[in-house]
PDB file of N, CA and C in Angstrom:
ATOM      1  N   UNK A   1     111.979  73.034  54.888  1.00  0.00           N
ATOM      2  CA  UNK A   1     111.199  72.706  56.057  1.00  0.00           C
ATOM      3  C   UNK A   1     111.925  73.162  57.328  1.00  0.00           C
ATOM      4  N   UNK A   2     113.221  72.923  57.403  1.00  0.00           N
ATOM      5  CA  UNK A   2     113.978  73.332  58.576  1.00  0.00           C
ATOM      6  C   UNK A   2     113.978  74.851  58.728  1.00  0.00           C
ATOM      7  N   UNK A   3     114.092  75.524  57.619  1.00  0.00           N
ATOM      8  CA  UNK A   3     114.067  76.976  57.660  1.00  0.00           C
ATOM      9  C   UNK A   3     112.737  77.487  58.201  1.00  0.00           C
ATOM     10  N   UNK A   4     111.663  76.855  57.799  1.00  0.00           N
ATOM     11  CA  UNK A   4     110.329  77.237  58.269  1.00  0.00           C
ATOM     12  C   UNK A   4     110.210  77.005  59.781  1.00  0.00           C
ATOM     13  N   UNK A   5     110.675  75.892  60.272  1.00  0.00           N
ATOM     14  CA  UNK A   5     110.619  75.581  61.702  1.00  0.00           C
ATOM     15  C   UNK A   5     111.476  76.582  62.489  1.00  0.00           C
ATOM     16  N   UNK A   6     112.654  76.880  61.966  1.00  0.00           N
ATOM     17  CA  UNK A   6     113.517  77.863  62.639  1.00  0.00           C
ATOM     18  C   UNK A   6     112.845  79.232  62.692  1.00  0.00           C
ATOM     19  N   UNK A   7     112.195  79.614  61.608  1.00  0.00           N
ATOM     20  CA  UNK A   7     111.500  80.900  61.567  1.00  0.00           C
ATOM     21  C   UNK A   7     110.367  80.938  62.594  1.00  0.00           C
ATOM     22  N   UNK A   8     109.599  79.872  62.700  1.00  0.00           N
ATOM     23  CA  UNK A   8     108.495  79.804  63.673  1.00  0.00           C
ATOM     24  C   UNK A   8     109.041  79.883  65.094  1.00  0.00           C
ATOM     25  N   UNK A   9     110.087  79.123  65.391  1.00  0.00           N
ATOM     26  CA  UNK A   9     110.670  79.145  66.733  1.00  0.00           C
ATOM     27  C   UNK A   9     111.236  80.527  67.066  1.00  0.00           C
ATOM     28  N   UNK A  10     111.919  81.131  66.114  1.00  0.00           N
ATOM     29  CA  UNK A  10     112.458  82.467  66.332  1.00  0.00           C
ATOM     30  C   UNK A  10     111.331  83.473  66.583  1.00  0.00           C
ATOM     31  N   UNK A  11     110.252  83.361  65.839  1.00  0.00           N
ATOM     32  CA  UNK A  11     109.102  84.261  66.026  1.00  0.00           C
ATOM     33  C   UNK A  11     108.507  84.101  67.418  1.00  0.00           C
ATOM     34  N   UNK A  12     108.378  82.875  67.874  1.00  0.00           N
ATOM     35  CA  UNK A  12     107.821  82.625  69.210  1.00  0.00           C
ATOM     36  C   UNK A  12     108.724  83.213  70.286  1.00  0.00           C
ATOM     37  N   UNK A  13     110.018  83.010  70.165  1.00  0.00           N
ATOM     38  CA  UNK A  13     110.963  83.552  71.146  1.00  0.00           C
ATOM     39  C   UNK A  13     110.907  85.078  71.164  1.00  0.00           C
ATOM     40  N   UNK A  14     110.912  85.681  69.994  1.00  0.00           N
ATOM     41  CA  UNK A  14     110.860  87.142  69.930  1.00  0.00           C
ATOM     42  C   UNK A  14     109.556  87.684  70.498  1.00  0.00           C
ATOM     43  N   UNK A  15     108.438  87.042  70.204  1.00  0.00           N
ATOM     44  CA  UNK A  15     107.151  87.493  70.716  1.00  0.00           C
ATOM     45  C   UNK A  15     107.104  87.349  72.236  1.00  0.00           C
ATOM     46  N   UNK A  16     107.597  86.234  72.745  1.00  0.00           N
ATOM     47  CA  UNK A  16     107.546  85.993  74.187  1.00  0.00           C
ATOM     48  C   UNK A  16     108.458  86.946  74.944  1.00  0.00           C
ATOM     49  N   UNK A  17     109.555  87.352  74.355  1.00  0.00           N
ATOM     50  CA  UNK A  17     110.492  88.232  75.059  1.00  0.00           C
ATOM     51  C   UNK A  17     110.193  89.709  74.839  1.00  0.00           C
ATOM     52  N   UNK A  18     109.360  90.013  73.870  1.00  0.00           N
ATOM     53  CA  UNK A  18     109.054  91.422  73.565  1.00  0.00           C
ATOM     54  C   UNK A  18     108.160  92.018  74.644  1.00  0.00           C
ATOM     55  N   UNK A  19     108.254  93.315  74.784  1.00  0.00           N
ATOM     56  CA  UNK A  19     107.388  94.022  75.723  1.00  0.00           C
ATOM     57  C   UNK A  19     106.076  94.319  74.996  1.00  0.00           C
ATOM     58  N   UNK A  20     105.197  93.341  74.990  1.00  0.00           N
ATOM     59  CA  UNK A  20     103.937  93.500  74.272  1.00  0.00           C
ATOM     60  C   UNK A  20     102.803  93.753  75.254  1.00  0.00           C
ATOM     61  N   UNK A  21     101.696  94.282  74.800  1.00  0.00           N
ATOM     62  CA  UNK A  21     100.597  94.631  75.702  1.00  0.00           C
ATOM     63  C   UNK A  21     100.001  93.429  76.415  1.00  0.00           C
ATOM     64  N   UNK A  22     100.052  92.264  75.806  1.00  0.00           N
ATOM     65  CA  UNK A  22      99.463  91.101  76.458  1.00  0.00           C
ATOM     66  C   UNK A  22     100.275  90.668  77.675  1.00  0.00           C
ATOM     67  N   UNK A  23     101.597  90.623  77.531  1.00  0.00           N
ATOM     68  CA  UNK A  23     102.416  90.200  78.663  1.00  0.00           C
ATOM     69  C   UNK A  23     102.433  91.258  79.761  1.00  0.00           C
ATOM     70  N   UNK A  24     102.468  92.533  79.393  1.00  0.00           N
ATOM     71  CA  UNK A  24     102.465  93.565  80.436  1.00  0.00           C
ATOM     72  C   UNK A  24     101.102  93.656  81.108  1.00  0.00           C
ATOM     73  N   UNK A  25     100.035  93.428  80.349  1.00  0.00           N
ATOM     74  CA  UNK A  25      98.697  93.415  80.947  1.00  0.00           C
ATOM     75  C   UNK A  25      98.535  92.255  81.914  1.00  0.00           C
ATOM     76  N   UNK A  26      99.046  91.099  81.519  1.00  0.00           N
ATOM     77  CA  UNK A  26      98.992  89.930  82.397  1.00  0.00           C
ATOM     78  C   UNK A  26      99.796  90.170  83.662  1.00  0.00           C
ATOM     79  N   UNK A  27     100.968  90.803  83.542  1.00  0.00           N
ATOM     80  CA  UNK A  27     101.801  91.089  84.717  1.00  0.00           C
ATOM     81  C   UNK A  27     101.080  92.054  85.663  1.00  0.00           C
ATOM     82  N   UNK A  28     100.409  93.067  85.113  1.00  0.00           N
ATOM     83  CA  UNK A  28      99.673  94.014  85.947  1.00  0.00           C
ATOM     84  C   UNK A  28      98.591  93.297  86.750  1.00  0.00           C
ATOM     85  N   UNK A  29      97.838  92.436  86.085  1.00  0.00           N
ATOM     86  CA  UNK A  29      96.767  91.689  86.760  1.00  0.00           C
ATOM     87  C   UNK A  29      97.351  90.755  87.814  1.00  0.00           C
ATOM     88  N   UNK A  30      98.435  90.071  87.478  1.00  0.00           N
ATOM     89  CA  UNK A  30      99.081  89.168  88.436  1.00  0.00           C
ATOM     90  C   UNK A  30      99.593  89.943  89.649  1.00  0.00           C
ATOM     91  N   UNK A  31     100.209  91.109  89.418  1.00  0.00           N
ATOM     92  CA  UNK A  31     100.696  91.935  90.526  1.00  0.00           C
ATOM     93  C   UNK A  31      99.541  92.459  91.376  1.00  0.00           C
ATOM     94  N   UNK A  32      98.442  92.823  90.728  1.00  0.00           N
ATOM     95  CA  UNK A  32      97.280  93.320  91.468  1.00  0.00           C
ATOM     96  C   UNK A  32      96.699  92.224  92.356  1.00  0.00           C
ATOM     97  N   UNK A  33      96.611  91.010  91.835  1.00  0.00           N
ATOM     98  CA  UNK A  33      96.104  89.896  92.640  1.00  0.00           C
ATOM     99  C   UNK A  33      97.043  89.611  93.813  1.00  0.00           C
ATOM    100  N   UNK A  34      98.335  89.634  93.561  1.00  0.00           N
ATOM    101  CA  UNK A  34      99.300  89.438  94.648  1.00  0.00           C
ATOM    102  C   UNK A  34      99.231  90.563  95.665  1.00  0.00           C
ATOM    103  N   UNK A  35      99.040  91.794  95.191  1.00  0.00           N
ATOM    104  CA  UNK A  35      98.904  92.930  96.101  1.00  0.00           C
ATOM    105  C   UNK A  35      97.670  92.813  96.968  1.00  0.00           C
ATOM    106  N   UNK A  36      96.580  92.324  96.393  1.00  0.00           N
ATOM    107  CA  UNK A  36      95.360  92.105  97.188  1.00  0.00           C
ATOM    108  C   UNK A  36      95.613  91.047  98.260  1.00  0.00           C
ATOM    109  N   UNK A  37      96.371  90.011  97.925  1.00  0.00           N
ATOM    110  CA  UNK A  37      96.728  88.996  98.936  1.00  0.00           C
ATOM    111  C   UNK A  37      97.590  89.599 100.038  1.00  0.00           C
ATOM    112  N   UNK A  38      98.523  90.467  99.664  1.00  0.00           N
ATOM    113  CA  UNK A  38      99.365  91.126 100.674  1.00  0.00           C
ATOM    114  C   UNK A  38      98.517  91.972 101.617  1.00  0.00           C
ATOM    115  N   UNK A  39      97.552  92.679 101.049  1.00  0.00           N
ATOM    116  CA  UNK A  39      96.670  93.504 101.883  1.00  0.00           C
ATOM    117  C   UNK A  39      95.843  92.620 102.816  1.00  0.00           C
ATOM    118  N   UNK A  40      95.343  91.510 102.310  1.00  0.00           N
ATOM    119  CA  UNK A  40      94.566  90.583 103.131  1.00  0.00           C
ATOM    120  C   UNK A  40      95.435  90.007 104.255  1.00  0.00           C
ATOM    121  N   UNK A  41      96.678  89.654 103.933  1.00  0.00           N
ATOM    122  CA  UNK A  41      97.579  89.093 104.947  1.00  0.00           C
ATOM    123  C   UNK A  41      97.827  90.104 106.067  1.00  0.00           C
ATOM    124  N   UNK A  42      98.037  91.377 105.703  1.00  0.00           N
ATOM    125  CA  UNK A  42      98.263  92.408 106.716  1.00  0.00           C
ATOM    126  C   UNK A  42      97.014  92.591 107.578  1.00  0.00           C
ATOM    127  N   UNK A  43      95.842  92.566 106.960  1.00  0.00           N
ATOM    128  CA  UNK A  43      94.587  92.704 107.714  1.00  0.00           C
ATOM    129  C   UNK A  43      94.413  91.516 108.660  1.00  0.00           C
ATOM    130  N   UNK A  44      94.664  90.304 108.146  1.00  0.00           N
ATOM    131  CA  UNK A  44      94.526  89.103 108.975  1.00  0.00           C
ATOM    132  C   UNK A  44      95.499  89.145 110.160  1.00  0.00           C
ATOM    133  N   UNK A  45      96.738  89.559 109.896  1.00  0.00           N
ATOM    134  CA  UNK A  45      97.714  89.663 110.980  1.00  0.00           C
ATOM    135  C   UNK A  45      97.307  90.720 112.000  1.00  0.00           C
ATOM    136  N   UNK A  46      96.750  91.834 111.532  1.00  0.00           N
ATOM    137  CA  UNK A  46      96.305  92.881 112.453  1.00  0.00           C
ATOM    138  C   UNK A  46      95.209  92.353 113.372  1.00  0.00           C
ATOM    139  N   UNK A  47      94.272  91.615 112.800  1.00  0.00           N
ATOM    140  CA  UNK A  47      93.184  91.047 113.611  1.00  0.00           C
ATOM    141  C   UNK A  47      93.725  90.005 114.599  1.00  0.00           C
ATOM    142  N   UNK A  48      94.672  89.205 114.128  1.00  0.00           N
ATOM    143  CA  UNK A  48      95.248  88.167 114.981  1.00  0.00           C
ATOM    144  C   UNK A  48      96.062  88.776 116.123  1.00  0.00           C
ATOM    145  N   UNK A  49      96.860  89.797 115.805  1.00  0.00           N
ATOM    146  CA  UNK A  49      97.701  90.429 116.823  1.00  0.00           C
ATOM    147  C   UNK A  49      96.849  91.126 117.867  1.00  0.00           C
ATOM    148  N   UNK A  50      95.776  91.787 117.428  1.00  0.00           N
ATOM    149  CA  UNK A  50      94.868  92.482 118.343  1.00  0.00           C
ATOM    150  C   UNK A  50      95.666  93.342 119.328  1.00  0.00           C
ATOM    151  N   UNK A  51      96.579  94.116 118.785  1.00  0.00           N
ATOM    152  CA  UNK A  51      97.515  94.896 119.591  1.00  0.00           C
ATOM    153  C   UNK A  51      97.170  96.377 119.463  1.00  0.00           C
ATOM    154  N   UNK A  52      96.892  97.010 120.576  1.00  0.00           N
ATOM    155  CA  UNK A  52      96.489  98.418 120.571  1.00  0.00           C
ATOM    156  C   UNK A  52      97.620  99.286 120.019  1.00  0.00           C
ATOM    157  N   UNK A  53      97.266 100.144 119.074  1.00  0.00           N
ATOM    158  CA  UNK A  53      98.225 101.070 118.489  1.00  0.00           C
ATOM    159  C   UNK A  53      99.005 100.526 117.307  1.00  0.00           C
ATOM    160  N   UNK A  54      98.682  99.299 116.868  1.00  0.00           N
ATOM    161  CA  UNK A  54      99.456  98.690 115.782  1.00  0.00           C
ATOM    162  C   UNK A  54      98.789  98.848 114.420  1.00  0.00           C
ATOM    163  N   UNK A  55      97.616  99.440 114.360  1.00  0.00           N
ATOM    164  CA  UNK A  55      96.903  99.481 113.081  1.00  0.00           C
ATOM    165  C   UNK A  55      97.675 100.243 112.009  1.00  0.00           C
ATOM    166  N   UNK A  56      98.347 101.320 112.370  1.00  0.00           N
ATOM    167  CA  UNK A  56      99.108 102.088 111.370  1.00  0.00           C
ATOM    168  C   UNK A  56     100.249 101.245 110.809  1.00  0.00           C
ATOM    169  N   UNK A  57     100.878 100.454 111.657  1.00  0.00           N
ATOM    170  CA  UNK A  57     101.955  99.568 111.195  1.00  0.00           C
ATOM    171  C   UNK A  57     101.422  98.587 110.156  1.00  0.00           C
ATOM    172  N   UNK A  58     100.282  97.977 110.429  1.00  0.00           N
ATOM    173  CA  UNK A  58      99.730  97.002 109.493  1.00  0.00           C
ATOM    174  C   UNK A  58      99.244  97.666 108.212  1.00  0.00           C
ATOM    175  N   UNK A  59      98.741  98.892 108.315  1.00  0.00           N
ATOM    176  CA  UNK A  59      98.378  99.646 107.109  1.00  0.00           C
ATOM    177  C   UNK A  59      99.628  99.841 106.241  1.00  0.00           C
ATOM    178  N   UNK A  60     100.694 100.328 106.854  1.00  0.00           N
ATOM    179  CA  UNK A  60     101.929 100.599 106.109  1.00  0.00           C
ATOM    180  C   UNK A  60     102.519  99.307 105.553  1.00  0.00           C
ATOM    181  N   UNK A  61     102.509  98.236 106.341  1.00  0.00           N
ATOM    182  CA  UNK A  61     103.098  96.973 105.895  1.00  0.00           C
ATOM    183  C   UNK A  61     102.334  96.375 104.716  1.00  0.00           C
ATOM    184  N   UNK A  62     101.014  96.388 104.772  1.00  0.00           N
ATOM    185  CA  UNK A  62     100.219  95.847 103.674  1.00  0.00           C
ATOM    186  C   UNK A  62     100.464  96.608 102.386  1.00  0.00           C
ATOM    187  N   UNK A  63     100.483  97.934 102.471  1.00  0.00           N
ATOM    188  CA  UNK A  63     100.724  98.765 101.290  1.00  0.00           C
ATOM    189  C   UNK A  63     102.147  98.587 100.773  1.00  0.00           C
ATOM    190  N   UNK A  64     103.104  98.481 101.683  1.00  0.00           N
ATOM    191  CA  UNK A  64     104.513  98.290 101.290  1.00  0.00           C
ATOM    192  C   UNK A  64     104.687  96.976 100.531  1.00  0.00           C
ATOM    193  N   UNK A  65     104.166  95.892 101.109  1.00  0.00           N
ATOM    194  CA  UNK A  65     104.309  94.576 100.472  1.00  0.00           C
ATOM    195  C   UNK A  65     103.628  94.554  99.105  1.00  0.00           C
ATOM    196  N   UNK A  66     102.443  95.140  99.019  1.00  0.00           N
ATOM    197  CA  UNK A  66     101.708  95.147  97.751  1.00  0.00           C
ATOM    198  C   UNK A  66     102.438  95.974  96.696  1.00  0.00           C
ATOM    199  N   UNK A  67     102.913  97.140  97.076  1.00  0.00           N
ATOM    200  CA  UNK A  67     103.558  98.040  96.109  1.00  0.00           C
ATOM    201  C   UNK A  67     104.877  97.478  95.599  1.00  0.00           C
ATOM    202  N   UNK A  68     105.549  96.661  96.391  1.00  0.00           N
ATOM    203  CA  UNK A  68     106.817  96.063  95.951  1.00  0.00           C
ATOM    204  C   UNK A  68     106.619  95.118  94.773  1.00  0.00           C
ATOM    205  N   UNK A  69     105.409  94.681  94.533  1.00  0.00           N
ATOM    206  CA  UNK A  69     105.123  93.784  93.409  1.00  0.00           C
ATOM    207  C   UNK A  69     105.150  94.506  92.077  1.00  0.00           C
ATOM    208  N   UNK A  70     104.942  95.812  92.096  1.00  0.00           N
ATOM    209  CA  UNK A  70     104.937  96.576  90.849  1.00  0.00           C
ATOM    210  C   UNK A  70     103.698  97.443  90.753  1.00  0.00           C
ATOM    211  N   UNK A  71     103.456  98.029  89.579  1.00  0.00           N
ATOM    212  CA  UNK A  71     102.324  98.948  89.411  1.00  0.00           C
ATOM    213  C   UNK A  71     100.970  98.319  89.734  1.00  0.00           C
ATOM    214  N   UNK A  72     100.784  97.052  89.394  1.00  0.00           N
ATOM    215  CA  UNK A  72      99.515  96.385  89.707  1.00  0.00           C
ATOM    216  C   UNK A  72      99.299  96.254  91.203  1.00  0.00           C
ATOM    217  N   UNK A  73     100.345  95.913  91.930  1.00  0.00           N
ATOM    218  CA  UNK A  73     100.244  95.797  93.379  1.00  0.00           C
ATOM    219  C   UNK A  73      99.983  97.136  94.040  1.00  0.00           C
ATOM    220  N   UNK A  74     100.668  98.183  93.554  1.00  0.00           N
ATOM    221  CA  UNK A  74     100.449  99.527  94.103  1.00  0.00           C
ATOM    222  C   UNK A  74      99.017  99.989  93.826  1.00  0.00           C
ATOM    223  N   UNK A  75      98.519  99.683  92.635  1.00  0.00           N
ATOM    224  CA  UNK A  75      97.145 100.046  92.297  1.00  0.00           C
ATOM    225  C   UNK A  75      96.153  99.338  93.214  1.00  0.00           C
ATOM    226  N   UNK A  76      96.343  98.030  93.423  1.00  0.00           N
ATOM    227  CA  UNK A  76      95.448  97.274  94.303  1.00  0.00           C
ATOM    228  C   UNK A  76      95.494  97.826  95.723  1.00  0.00           C
ATOM    229  N   UNK A  77      96.689  98.156  96.208  1.00  0.00           N
ATOM    230  CA  UNK A  77      96.818  98.697  97.560  1.00  0.00           C
ATOM    231  C   UNK A  77      96.075 100.022  97.691  1.00  0.00           C
ATOM    232  N   UNK A  78      96.190 100.882  96.690  1.00  0.00           N
ATOM    233  CA  UNK A  78      95.505 102.177  96.747  1.00  0.00           C
ATOM    234  C   UNK A  78      93.994 102.000  96.717  1.00  0.00           C
ATOM    235  N   UNK A  79      93.509 101.161  95.819  1.00  0.00           N
ATOM    236  CA  UNK A  79      92.061 100.941  95.710  1.00  0.00           C
ATOM    237  C   UNK A  79      91.509 100.357  97.012  1.00  0.00           C
ATOM    238  N   UNK A  80      92.173  99.348  97.544  1.00  0.00           N
ATOM    239  CA  UNK A  80      91.701  98.702  98.773  1.00  0.00           C
ATOM    240  C   UNK A  80      91.778  99.666  99.944  1.00  0.00           C
ATOM    241  N   UNK A  81      92.883 100.403 100.070  1.00  0.00           N
ATOM    242  CA  UNK A  81      93.037 101.349 101.178  1.00  0.00           C
ATOM    243  C   UNK A  81      91.994 102.451 101.116  1.00  0.00           C
ATOM    244  N   UNK A  82      91.781 103.016  99.923  1.00  0.00           N
ATOM    245  CA  UNK A  82      90.802 104.092  99.787  1.00  0.00           C
ATOM    246  C   UNK A  82      89.383 103.594 100.067  1.00  0.00           C
ATOM    247  N   UNK A  83      89.066 102.393  99.595  1.00  0.00           N
ATOM    248  CA  UNK A  83      87.740 101.832  99.839  1.00  0.00           C
ATOM    249  C   UNK A  83      87.538 101.553 101.322  1.00  0.00           C
ATOM    250  N   UNK A  84      88.553 100.995 101.953  1.00  0.00           N
ATOM    251  CA  UNK A  84      88.459 100.664 103.381  1.00  0.00           C
ATOM    252  C   UNK A  84      88.301 101.930 104.217  1.00  0.00           C
ATOM    253  N   UNK A  85      89.098 102.937 103.930  1.00  0.00           N
ATOM    254  CA  UNK A  85      89.022 104.172 104.719  1.00  0.00           C
ATOM    255  C   UNK A  85      87.707 104.906 104.460  1.00  0.00           C
ATOM    256  N   UNK A  86      87.250 104.889 103.212  1.00  0.00           N
ATOM    257  CA  UNK A  86      85.976 105.536 102.902  1.00  0.00           C
ATOM    258  C   UNK A  86      84.823 104.859 103.607  1.00  0.00           C
ATOM    259  N   UNK A  87      84.844 103.527 103.642  1.00  0.00           N
ATOM    260  CA  UNK A  87      83.786 102.775 104.308  1.00  0.00           C
ATOM    261  C   UNK A  87      83.868 102.953 105.818  1.00  0.00           C
ATOM    262  N   UNK A  88      85.057 102.838 106.387  1.00  0.00           N
ATOM    263  CA  UNK A  88      85.201 102.905 107.837  1.00  0.00           C
ATOM    264  C   UNK A  88      84.920 104.289 108.387  1.00  0.00           C
ATOM    265  N   UNK A  89      85.251 105.330 107.644  1.00  0.00           N
ATOM    266  CA  UNK A  89      85.040 106.676 108.179  1.00  0.00           C
ATOM    267  C   UNK A  89      83.559 106.963 108.378  1.00  0.00           C
ATOM    268  N   UNK A  90      82.707 106.347 107.566  1.00  0.00           N
ATOM    269  CA  UNK A  90      81.283 106.563 107.721  1.00  0.00           C
ATOM    270  C   UNK A  90      80.634 105.616 108.707  1.00  0.00           C
ATOM    271  N   UNK A  91      81.288 104.507 109.031  1.00  0.00           N
ATOM    272  CA  UNK A  91      80.674 103.475 109.858  1.00  0.00           C
ATOM    273  C   UNK A  91      81.261 103.431 111.266  1.00  0.00           C
ATOM    274  N   UNK A  92      82.558 103.547 111.382  1.00  0.00           N
ATOM    275  CA  UNK A  92      83.202 103.280 112.674  1.00  0.00           C
ATOM    276  C   UNK A  92      83.138 104.459 113.636  1.00  0.00           C
ATOM    277  N   UNK A  93      82.989 105.657 113.106  1.00  0.00           N
ATOM    278  CA  UNK A  93      82.971 106.815 113.990  1.00  0.00           C
ATOM    279  C   UNK A  93      84.331 107.145 114.567  1.00  0.00           C
ATOM    280  N   UNK A  94      85.404 106.727 113.904  1.00  0.00           N
ATOM    281  CA  UNK A  94      86.748 106.961 114.428  1.00  0.00           C
ATOM    282  C   UNK A  94      87.189 108.397 114.256  1.00  0.00           C
ATOM    283  N   UNK A  95      86.618 109.084 113.300  1.00  0.00           N
ATOM    284  CA  UNK A  95      86.958 110.483 113.128  1.00  0.00           C
ATOM    285  C   UNK A  95      87.889 110.737 111.966  1.00  0.00           C
ATOM    286  N   UNK A  96      87.872 111.987 111.524  1.00  0.00           N
ATOM    287  CA  UNK A  96      88.647 112.387 110.353  1.00  0.00           C
ATOM    288  C   UNK A  96      90.150 112.317 110.608  1.00  0.00           C
ATOM    289  N   UNK A  97      90.568 112.638 111.822  1.00  0.00           N
ATOM    290  CA  UNK A  97      92.005 112.633 112.121  1.00  0.00           C
ATOM    291  C   UNK A  97      92.582 111.218 112.041  1.00  0.00           C
ATOM    292  N   UNK A  98      91.875 110.231 112.565  1.00  0.00           N
ATOM    293  CA  UNK A  98      92.356 108.854 112.500  1.00  0.00           C
ATOM    294  C   UNK A  98      92.390 108.364 111.058  1.00  0.00           C
ATOM    295  N   UNK A  99      91.389 108.734 110.283  1.00  0.00           N
ATOM    296  CA  UNK A  99      91.374 108.365 108.862  1.00  0.00           C
ATOM    297  C   UNK A  99      92.551 109.005 108.143  1.00  0.00           C
ATOM    298  N   UNK A 100      92.844 110.256 108.440  1.00  0.00           N
ATOM    299  CA  UNK A 100      93.972 110.940 107.813  1.00  0.00           C
ATOM    300  C   UNK A 100      95.293 110.247 108.165  1.00  0.00           C
ATOM    301  N   UNK A 101      95.449 109.843 109.426  1.00  0.00           N
ATOM    302  CA  UNK A 101      96.678 109.162 109.842  1.00  0.00           C
ATOM    303  C   UNK A 101      96.797 107.779 109.199  1.00  0.00           C
ATOM    304  N   UNK A 102      95.673 107.080 109.045  1.00  0.00           N
ATOM    305  CA  UNK A 102      95.698 105.793 108.340  1.00  0.00           C
ATOM    306  C   UNK A 102      96.142 105.985 106.895  1.00  0.00           C
ATOM    307  N   UNK A 103      95.603 107.002 106.239  1.00  0.00           N
ATOM    308  CA  UNK A 103      95.969 107.261 104.849  1.00  0.00           C
ATOM    309  C   UNK A 103      97.438 107.668 104.726  1.00  0.00           C
ATOM    310  N   UNK A 104      97.937 108.371 105.718  1.00  0.00           N
ATOM    311  CA  UNK A 104      99.363 108.728 105.724  1.00  0.00           C
ATOM    312  C   UNK A 104     100.223 107.465 105.798  1.00  0.00           C
ATOM    313  N   UNK A 105      99.838 106.528 106.675  1.00  0.00           N
ATOM    314  CA  UNK A 105     100.567 105.259 106.788  1.00  0.00           C
ATOM    315  C   UNK A 105     100.451 104.455 105.492  1.00  0.00           C
ATOM    316  N   UNK A 106      99.266 104.470 104.877  1.00  0.00           N
ATOM    317  CA  UNK A 106      99.073 103.773 103.600  1.00  0.00           C
ATOM    318  C   UNK A 106     100.024 104.328 102.545  1.00  0.00           C
ATOM    319  N   UNK A 107     100.063 105.640 102.426  1.00  0.00           N
ATOM    320  CA  UNK A 107     100.915 106.293 101.424  1.00  0.00           C
ATOM    321  C   UNK A 107     102.392 106.039 101.712  1.00  0.00           C
ATOM    322  N   UNK A 108     102.766 106.082 102.989  1.00  0.00           N
ATOM    323  CA  UNK A 108     104.151 105.820 103.370  1.00  0.00           C
ATOM    324  C   UNK A 108     104.576 104.432 102.890  1.00  0.00           C
ATOM    325  N   UNK A 109     103.757 103.435 103.148  1.00  0.00           N
ATOM    326  CA  UNK A 109     104.080 102.079 102.726  1.00  0.00           C
ATOM    327  C   UNK A 109     104.116 101.936 101.220  1.00  0.00           C
ATOM    328  N   UNK A 110     103.132 102.515 100.523  1.00  0.00           N
ATOM    329  CA  UNK A 110     103.082 102.419  99.056  1.00  0.00           C
ATOM    330  C   UNK A 110     104.276 103.077  98.389  1.00  0.00           C
ATOM    331  N   UNK A 111     104.799 104.125  99.015  1.00  0.00           N
ATOM    332  CA  UNK A 111     105.933 104.843  98.410  1.00  0.00           C
ATOM    333  C   UNK A 111     107.274 104.199  98.756  1.00  0.00           C
ATOM    334  N   UNK A 112     107.245 103.065  99.437  1.00  0.00           N
ATOM    335  CA  UNK A 112     108.481 102.339  99.732  1.00  0.00           C
ATOM    336  C   UNK A 112     109.088 102.647 101.086  1.00  0.00           C
ATOM    337  N   UNK A 113     108.387 103.428 101.912  1.00  0.00           N
ATOM    338  CA  UNK A 113     108.883 103.734 103.247  1.00  0.00           C
ATOM    339  C   UNK A 113     108.840 102.507 104.154  1.00  0.00           C
ATOM    340  N   UNK A 114     109.759 102.436 105.081  1.00  0.00           N
ATOM    341  CA  UNK A 114     109.855 101.298 105.995  1.00  0.00           C
ATOM    342  C   UNK A 114     108.633 101.270 106.924  1.00  0.00           C
ATOM    343  N   UNK A 115     107.845 100.184 106.887  1.00  0.00           N
ATOM    344  CA  UNK A 115     106.666 100.098 107.747  1.00  0.00           C
ATOM    345  C   UNK A 115     107.001 100.133 109.237  1.00  0.00           C
ATOM    346  N   UNK A 116     108.244  99.791 109.587  1.00  0.00           N
ATOM    347  CA  UNK A 116     108.623  99.767 110.998  1.00  0.00           C
ATOM    348  C   UNK A 116     108.589 101.154 111.639  1.00  0.00           C
ATOM    349  N   UNK A 117     108.479 102.173 110.824  1.00  0.00           N
ATOM    350  CA  UNK A 117     108.305 103.534 111.349  1.00  0.00           C
ATOM    351  C   UNK A 117     107.062 103.594 112.240  1.00  0.00           C
ATOM    352  N   UNK A 118     106.058 102.793 111.914  1.00  0.00           N
ATOM    353  CA  UNK A 118     104.795 102.794 112.651  1.00  0.00           C
ATOM    354  C   UNK A 118     104.669 101.625 113.621  1.00  0.00           C
ATOM    355  N   UNK A 119     105.709 100.826 113.744  1.00  0.00           N
ATOM    356  CA  UNK A 119     105.645  99.638 114.598  1.00  0.00           C
ATOM    357  C   UNK A 119     105.657 100.051 116.066  1.00  0.00           C
ATOM    358  N   UNK A 120     104.636  99.651 116.829  1.00  0.00           N
ATOM    359  CA  UNK A 120     104.615  99.997 118.244  1.00  0.00           C
ATOM    360  C   UNK A 120     105.572  99.119 119.055  1.00  0.00           C
ATOM    361  N   UNK A 121     106.085  99.652 120.118  1.00  0.00           N
ATOM    362  CA  UNK A 121     106.971  98.883 121.000  1.00  0.00           C
ATOM    363  C   UNK A 121     106.172  97.724 121.599  1.00  0.00           C
ATOM    364  N   UNK A 122     106.786  96.574 121.635  1.00  0.00           N
ATOM    365  CA  UNK A 122     106.147  95.417 122.248  1.00  0.00           C
ATOM    366  C   UNK A 122     105.346  94.545 121.302  1.00  0.00           C
ATOM    367  N   UNK A 123     105.185  94.957 120.043  1.00  0.00           N
ATOM    368  CA  UNK A 123     104.473  94.111 119.080  1.00  0.00           C
ATOM    369  C   UNK A 123     105.321  92.861 118.852  1.00  0.00           C
ATOM    370  N   UNK A 124     104.739  91.674 118.964  1.00  0.00           N
ATOM    371  CA  UNK A 124     105.530  90.459 118.797  1.00  0.00           C
ATOM    372  C   UNK A 124     106.284  90.432 117.472  1.00  0.00           C
ATOM    373  N   UNK A 125     107.489  89.850 117.504  1.00  0.00           N
ATOM    374  CA  UNK A 125     108.360  89.843 116.309  1.00  0.00           C
ATOM    375  C   UNK A 125     107.763  89.007 115.184  1.00  0.00           C
ATOM    376  N   UNK A 126     106.763  88.198 115.466  1.00  0.00           N
ATOM    377  CA  UNK A 126     106.085  87.404 114.439  1.00  0.00           C
ATOM    378  C   UNK A 126     105.524  88.288 113.336  1.00  0.00           C
ATOM    379  N   UNK A 127     105.196  89.524 113.698  1.00  0.00           N
ATOM    380  CA  UNK A 127     104.575  90.444 112.750  1.00  0.00           C
ATOM    381  C   UNK A 127     105.612  91.426 112.239  1.00  0.00           C
TER     382      UNK A 127
END
């Protein structure tokens, strides 16, 4: 009986520590959800700051924070950024150049670049 219990416990430990598709799939989904929250936080802060010229900083920061979570976070950041830019380019009338610069900031943040590269002078330190 003890041998059987030890075998079951050992099996559970090995399964839980193994790199199996269920645990990696769960981690991807968890990272994607966290990345979506990071993107929402950056958007909320951008709206709250209402600071002219700071949008690229918030684009880069949201993508940076999301991508730091792992592949799921980077995926969520890319999907959200591409959807947002695709929707805004047809609605806002900001132009192709502004959309291109937003996407550049998005990519910079997702690739691990420091978002402060896009931080405008005078933006409150809260952000």
